[in-house]
């Protein structure tokens, strides 16, 4: 079941990335896109919690603080990358988080409990990431690439906090609620509200897609990381890159070269783990 949650999360996050890229092309302020990512989750989960009389009190303020600090930072950085880089490249940079998660879990595990097979799969993913990036980076994109790698590091730390929250028995919906609330506040504080009036109807549709797909994806990934192996979830996260590349071909005719297709083939070989 963990695998199914991660596959659905990967598809939803790729769809969210496509929506973010659309909003960038339509000149939507980044801060408004960030608000759109968090606000639907806040409203829907809050109303549901009130109607069903569920408590909004978290079990660990520290874990939520760390999850939201690193998660929100990763989100802002990758949204910027989605707006200036090819969709597949931006997704690839963000999901270097899987590599960092694999390394961390492997290093922290006891000698006899280290999962060499899945660890080597993460290293294979790292080589594949290099294969994707090498032909895809232009001279004016190095800053965006660096920020994308930073988003991967931050996302890895955030995912490990999800693991800790899951072990603590924290509800999936509550974790998503607080993350979305933090994201919404950050977007609202940084937004120039005078720019909202110039947003087109087409852009509002894209913003709605960002919010809904992000909410479903966040619920699924929180469930997956809270319930099973973090390395398995990290490996399956690479599906987001596959979906993102395919959406890039479909919506922007951004056809990758043979190295990118080879990278996805390698990922397919790794899925049986």
Protein backbone atom coordinates (compact mmCIF):
# COMPACT_ATOMS: atom_id res chain seq x y z
CA UNK A 1 0.00 0.00 0.00
CA UNK A 2 2.94 2.32 0.70
CA UNK A 3 4.00 1.98 -2.94
CA UNK A 4 0.55 2.98 -4.21
CA UNK A 5 0.55 6.09 -1.99
CA UNK A 6 3.93 7.12 -3.39
CA UNK A 7 2.93 6.52 -7.03
CA UNK A 8 -0.17 8.70 -6.59
CA UNK A 9 1.86 11.34 -4.75
CA UNK A 10 4.44 11.38 -7.54
CA UNK A 11 1.81 11.91 -10.21
CA UNK A 12 0.10 14.67 -8.23
CA UNK A 13 3.35 16.52 -7.58
CA UNK A 14 4.28 16.32 -11.26
CA UNK A 15 0.84 17.75 -12.09
CA UNK A 16 1.40 20.47 -9.51
CA UNK A 17 4.76 21.28 -11.10
CA UNK A 18 3.11 21.62 -14.50
CA UNK A 19 0.55 23.97 -12.96
CA UNK A 20 3.32 26.07 -11.41
CA UNK A 21 5.09 26.31 -14.77
CA UNK A 22 1.83 27.43 -16.41
CA UNK A 23 1.34 30.15 -13.79
CA UNK A 24 4.89 31.36 -14.39
CA UNK A 25 4.25 31.65 -18.11
CA UNK A 26 1.08 33.61 -17.33
CA UNK A 27 3.08 36.06 -15.19
CA UNK A 28 1.41 35.10 -11.92
CA UNK A 29 3.39 36.38 -8.90
CA UNK A 30 5.31 33.56 -7.21
CA UNK A 31 3.85 34.51 -3.84
CA UNK A 32 0.30 34.02 -5.17
CA UNK A 33 1.25 30.58 -6.49
CA UNK A 34 2.59 29.70 -3.05
CA UNK A 35 -0.69 30.81 -1.47
CA UNK A 36 -2.62 28.70 -3.97
CA UNK A 37 -0.51 25.69 -2.99
CA UNK A 38 -1.45 25.95 0.68
CA UNK A 39 -4.82 27.68 0.99
CA UNK A 40 -7.15 24.91 -0.35
CA UNK A 41 -5.62 22.42 2.09
CA UNK A 42 -6.01 24.83 5.01
CA UNK A 43 -9.65 25.61 4.27
CA UNK A 44 -10.81 22.07 3.45
CA UNK A 45 -9.00 20.38 6.33
CA UNK A 46 -10.04 23.07 8.82
CA UNK A 47 -13.72 22.78 7.88
CA UNK A 48 -13.51 18.97 8.02
CA UNK A 49 -11.84 19.07 11.46
CA UNK A 50 -14.49 21.42 12.86
CA UNK A 51 -17.40 19.41 11.46
CA UNK A 52 -15.99 16.10 12.73
CA UNK A 53 -14.75 17.63 16.03
CA UNK A 54 -11.11 16.60 15.55
CA UNK A 55 -8.49 18.40 17.62
CA UNK A 56 -5.95 20.64 15.87
CA UNK A 57 -3.40 20.25 18.67
CA UNK A 58 -0.16 18.65 17.40
CA UNK A 59 1.71 15.93 19.30
CA UNK A 60 5.14 17.52 18.78
CA UNK A 61 5.64 21.23 18.16
CA UNK A 62 9.36 20.69 17.54
CA UNK A 63 8.87 18.13 14.75
CA UNK A 64 6.20 20.25 13.10
CA UNK A 65 8.46 23.30 13.29
CA UNK A 66 11.36 21.47 11.61
CA UNK A 67 9.09 19.86 9.01
CA UNK A 68 7.52 23.20 8.11
CA UNK A 69 10.77 25.17 8.16
CA UNK A 70 12.57 22.87 5.74
CA UNK A 71 9.46 21.89 3.79
CA UNK A 72 8.39 25.48 3.10
CA UNK A 73 11.93 26.42 2.09
CA UNK A 74 12.09 23.50 -0.32
CA UNK A 75 8.70 24.43 -1.77
CA UNK A 76 9.63 28.07 -2.43
CA UNK A 77 12.93 27.10 -4.05
CA UNK A 78 11.44 24.44 -6.31
CA UNK A 79 8.55 26.69 -7.36
CA UNK A 80 11.12 29.21 -8.55
CA UNK A 81 12.94 26.44 -10.44
CA UNK A 82 9.69 25.28 -12.07
CA UNK A 83 9.17 28.79 -13.43
CA UNK A 84 12.64 29.17 -15.02
CA UNK A 85 13.82 25.62 -15.87
CA UNK A 86 12.38 22.80 -18.01
CA UNK A 87 9.78 20.87 -16.00
CA UNK A 88 11.74 17.60 -15.98
CA UNK A 89 14.99 19.32 -14.94
CA UNK A 90 13.33 21.19 -12.06
CA UNK A 91 11.66 18.01 -10.79
CA UNK A 92 14.96 16.14 -11.05
CA UNK A 93 16.75 18.73 -8.92
CA UNK A 94 14.07 18.69 -6.23
CA UNK A 95 14.03 14.91 -6.06
CA UNK A 96 17.71 14.65 -5.35
CA UNK A 97 16.10 14.57 -1.90
CA UNK A 98 15.74 10.82 -2.43
CA UNK A 99 19.52 10.50 -2.67
CA UNK A 100 20.08 12.44 0.56
CA UNK A 101 17.41 10.40 2.36
CA UNK A 102 18.99 7.14 1.22
CA UNK A 103 22.43 8.23 2.37
CA UNK A 104 21.16 9.40 5.75
CA UNK A 105 19.17 6.22 6.47
CA UNK A 106 22.09 4.04 5.35
CA UNK A 107 24.64 5.88 7.52
CA UNK A 108 22.42 5.88 10.60
CA UNK A 109 21.47 2.19 10.35
CA UNK A 110 23.26 -0.47 12.37
CA UNK A 111 25.91 -2.41 10.47
CA UNK A 112 23.83 -5.59 10.19
CA UNK A 113 20.64 -3.77 9.23
CA UNK A 114 21.92 -1.67 6.33
CA UNK A 115 19.89 -2.18 3.17
CA UNK A 116 22.67 -2.30 0.57
CA UNK A 117 20.35 -3.06 -2.34
CA UNK A 118 18.16 0.01 -1.85
CA UNK A 119 21.18 2.12 -0.98
CA UNK A 120 22.81 1.17 -4.30
CA UNK A 121 19.52 1.99 -6.00
CA UNK A 122 19.75 5.53 -4.59
CA UNK A 123 23.31 5.81 -5.89
CA UNK A 124 22.10 4.62 -9.28
CA UNK A 125 19.54 7.40 -9.09
CA UNK A 126 22.32 9.91 -8.42
CA UNK A 127 24.19 8.82 -11.54
CA UNK A 128 20.97 9.08 -13.50
CA UNK A 129 20.38 12.62 -12.18
CA UNK A 130 23.80 13.63 -13.50
CA UNK A 131 22.89 12.12 -16.87
CA UNK A 132 19.77 14.26 -17.01
CA UNK A 133 21.41 17.51 -15.88
CA UNK A 134 24.57 17.42 -17.97
CA UNK A 135 22.90 18.14 -21.31
CA UNK A 136 20.12 20.30 -19.83
CA UNK A 137 21.95 23.16 -18.09
CA UNK A 138 22.73 26.44 -19.85
CA UNK A 139 25.18 29.08 -18.67
CA UNK A 140 22.42 31.35 -17.36
CA UNK A 141 20.78 28.57 -15.31
CA UNK A 142 23.49 27.68 -12.79
CA UNK A 143 21.94 29.76 -10.01
CA UNK A 144 18.56 28.09 -10.54
CA UNK A 145 20.24 24.67 -10.55
CA UNK A 146 22.03 25.43 -7.28
CA UNK A 147 18.75 26.55 -5.69
CA UNK A 148 17.12 23.37 -7.00
CA UNK A 149 19.77 21.24 -5.27
CA UNK A 150 19.21 23.22 -2.08
CA UNK A 151 15.50 22.42 -2.37
CA UNK A 152 16.45 18.73 -2.55
CA UNK A 153 18.45 18.95 0.68
CA UNK A 154 15.64 20.80 2.46
CA UNK A 155 13.03 18.36 1.16
CA UNK A 156 15.09 15.43 2.46
CA UNK A 157 15.18 16.91 5.97
CA UNK A 158 11.44 17.59 5.78
CA UNK A 159 10.69 14.01 4.68
CA UNK A 160 12.62 12.60 7.64
CA UNK A 161 10.50 14.74 9.96
CA UNK A 162 7.44 13.17 8.33
CA UNK A 163 8.88 9.78 9.26
CA UNK A 164 9.34 10.88 12.86
CA UNK A 165 5.82 12.31 13.02
CA UNK A 166 4.41 9.07 11.62
CA UNK A 167 6.19 7.03 14.28
CA UNK A 168 4.83 9.39 16.91
CA UNK A 169 1.31 8.64 15.67
CA UNK A 170 0.59 12.12 14.30
CA UNK A 171 -2.38 12.28 11.95
CA UNK A 172 -1.62 12.67 8.25
CA UNK A 173 -4.22 15.39 7.80
CA UNK A 174 -2.89 17.42 10.74
CA UNK A 175 0.67 17.36 9.39
CA UNK A 176 -0.59 18.57 6.00
CA UNK A 177 -2.75 21.23 7.66
CA UNK A 178 0.11 22.89 9.53
CA UNK A 179 2.47 22.74 6.57
CA UNK A 180 -0.15 24.30 4.32
CA UNK A 181 -0.92 26.98 6.90
CA UNK A 182 2.76 27.98 7.10
CA UNK A 183 3.06 28.06 3.31
CA UNK A 184 -0.07 30.19 3.00
CA UNK A 185 1.15 32.72 5.58
CA UNK A 186 4.55 33.00 3.87
CA UNK A 187 2.87 33.65 0.52
CA UNK A 188 0.43 36.17 1.98
CA UNK A 189 3.17 38.17 3.73
CA UNK A 190 5.32 38.41 0.60
CA UNK A 191 2.55 39.08 -1.93
CA UNK A 192 1.94 42.49 -3.50
CA UNK A 193 -1.85 42.37 -3.34
CA UNK A 194 -2.27 45.02 -6.02
CA UNK A 195 -1.03 42.47 -8.57
CA UNK A 196 -3.94 40.10 -7.90
CA UNK A 197 -6.39 42.14 -9.97
CA UNK A 198 -4.36 41.55 -13.14
CA UNK A 199 -4.44 37.74 -12.87
CA UNK A 200 -6.37 36.19 -15.77
CA UNK A 201 -9.15 33.58 -15.55
CA UNK A 202 -6.83 31.03 -17.17
CA UNK A 203 -4.25 31.69 -14.47
CA UNK A 204 -6.83 31.16 -11.70
CA UNK A 205 -7.63 27.73 -13.17
CA UNK A 206 -3.93 26.86 -13.11
CA UNK A 207 -3.66 28.10 -9.51
CA UNK A 208 -6.61 25.91 -8.49
CA UNK A 209 -4.93 22.92 -10.10
CA UNK A 210 -1.74 23.70 -8.15
CA UNK A 211 -3.66 23.80 -4.87
CA UNK A 212 -5.74 20.65 -5.33
CA UNK A 213 -2.99 18.47 -6.80
CA UNK A 214 -0.58 19.70 -4.12
CA UNK A 215 -3.05 18.85 -1.36
CA UNK A 216 -3.67 15.30 -2.62
CA UNK A 217 0.03 14.76 -3.23
CA UNK A 218 0.94 16.00 0.26
CA UNK A 219 -1.62 13.73 1.91
CA UNK A 220 -0.30 10.73 -0.01
CA UNK A 221 3.40 11.38 0.62
CA UNK A 222 2.79 12.04 4.32
CA UNK A 223 0.95 8.74 4.56
CA UNK A 224 3.70 6.87 2.69
CA UNK A 225 6.62 8.23 4.71
CA UNK A 226 4.77 7.79 7.99
CA UNK A 227 3.89 4.15 7.41
CA UNK A 228 6.80 2.41 5.68
CA UNK A 229 10.42 2.30 4.62
CA UNK A 230 11.83 5.79 3.95
CA UNK A 231 14.27 4.42 1.35
CA UNK A 232 11.46 2.70 -0.59
CA UNK A 233 9.48 5.94 -0.56
CA UNK A 234 12.58 7.86 -1.62
CA UNK A 235 13.17 5.54 -4.58
CA UNK A 236 9.54 5.71 -5.69
CA UNK A 237 9.69 9.51 -5.53
CA UNK A 238 11.73 9.37 -8.72
CA UNK A 239 8.48 8.61 -10.53
CA UNK A 240 7.73 12.31 -10.22
CA UNK A 241 10.61 12.97 -12.62
CA UNK A 242 9.23 10.45 -15.10
CA UNK A 243 5.76 12.00 -14.94
CA UNK A 244 7.24 15.52 -15.18
CA UNK A 245 9.27 14.65 -18.28
CA UNK A 246 6.19 13.15 -19.95
CA UNK A 247 4.11 16.22 -19.09
CA UNK A 248 6.87 18.42 -20.49
CA UNK A 249 6.62 16.52 -23.76
CA UNK A 250 2.82 16.71 -23.74
CA UNK A 251 2.31 20.38 -22.83
CA UNK A 252 5.51 22.12 -23.97
CA UNK A 253 6.89 19.75 -26.63
CA UNK A 254 10.07 19.68 -24.52
CA UNK A 255 11.36 16.38 -25.90
CA UNK A 256 14.41 15.18 -23.91
CA UNK A 257 17.47 13.63 -25.50
CA UNK A 258 18.41 9.96 -25.37
CA UNK A 259 20.26 10.27 -22.03
CA UNK A 260 17.06 11.32 -20.26
CA UNK A 261 15.15 8.36 -21.69
CA UNK A 262 18.02 6.09 -20.63
CA UNK A 263 17.82 7.54 -17.13
CA UNK A 264 14.12 6.68 -16.93
CA UNK A 265 14.86 3.17 -18.20
CA UNK A 266 17.38 2.72 -15.38
CA UNK A 267 14.75 3.86 -12.92
CA UNK A 268 12.37 1.24 -14.29
CA UNK A 269 14.96 -1.43 -13.57
CA UNK A 270 15.20 -0.19 -9.99
CA UNK A 271 11.46 -0.27 -9.26
CA UNK A 272 11.30 -3.96 -8.24
CA UNK A 273 13.13 -3.09 -5.00
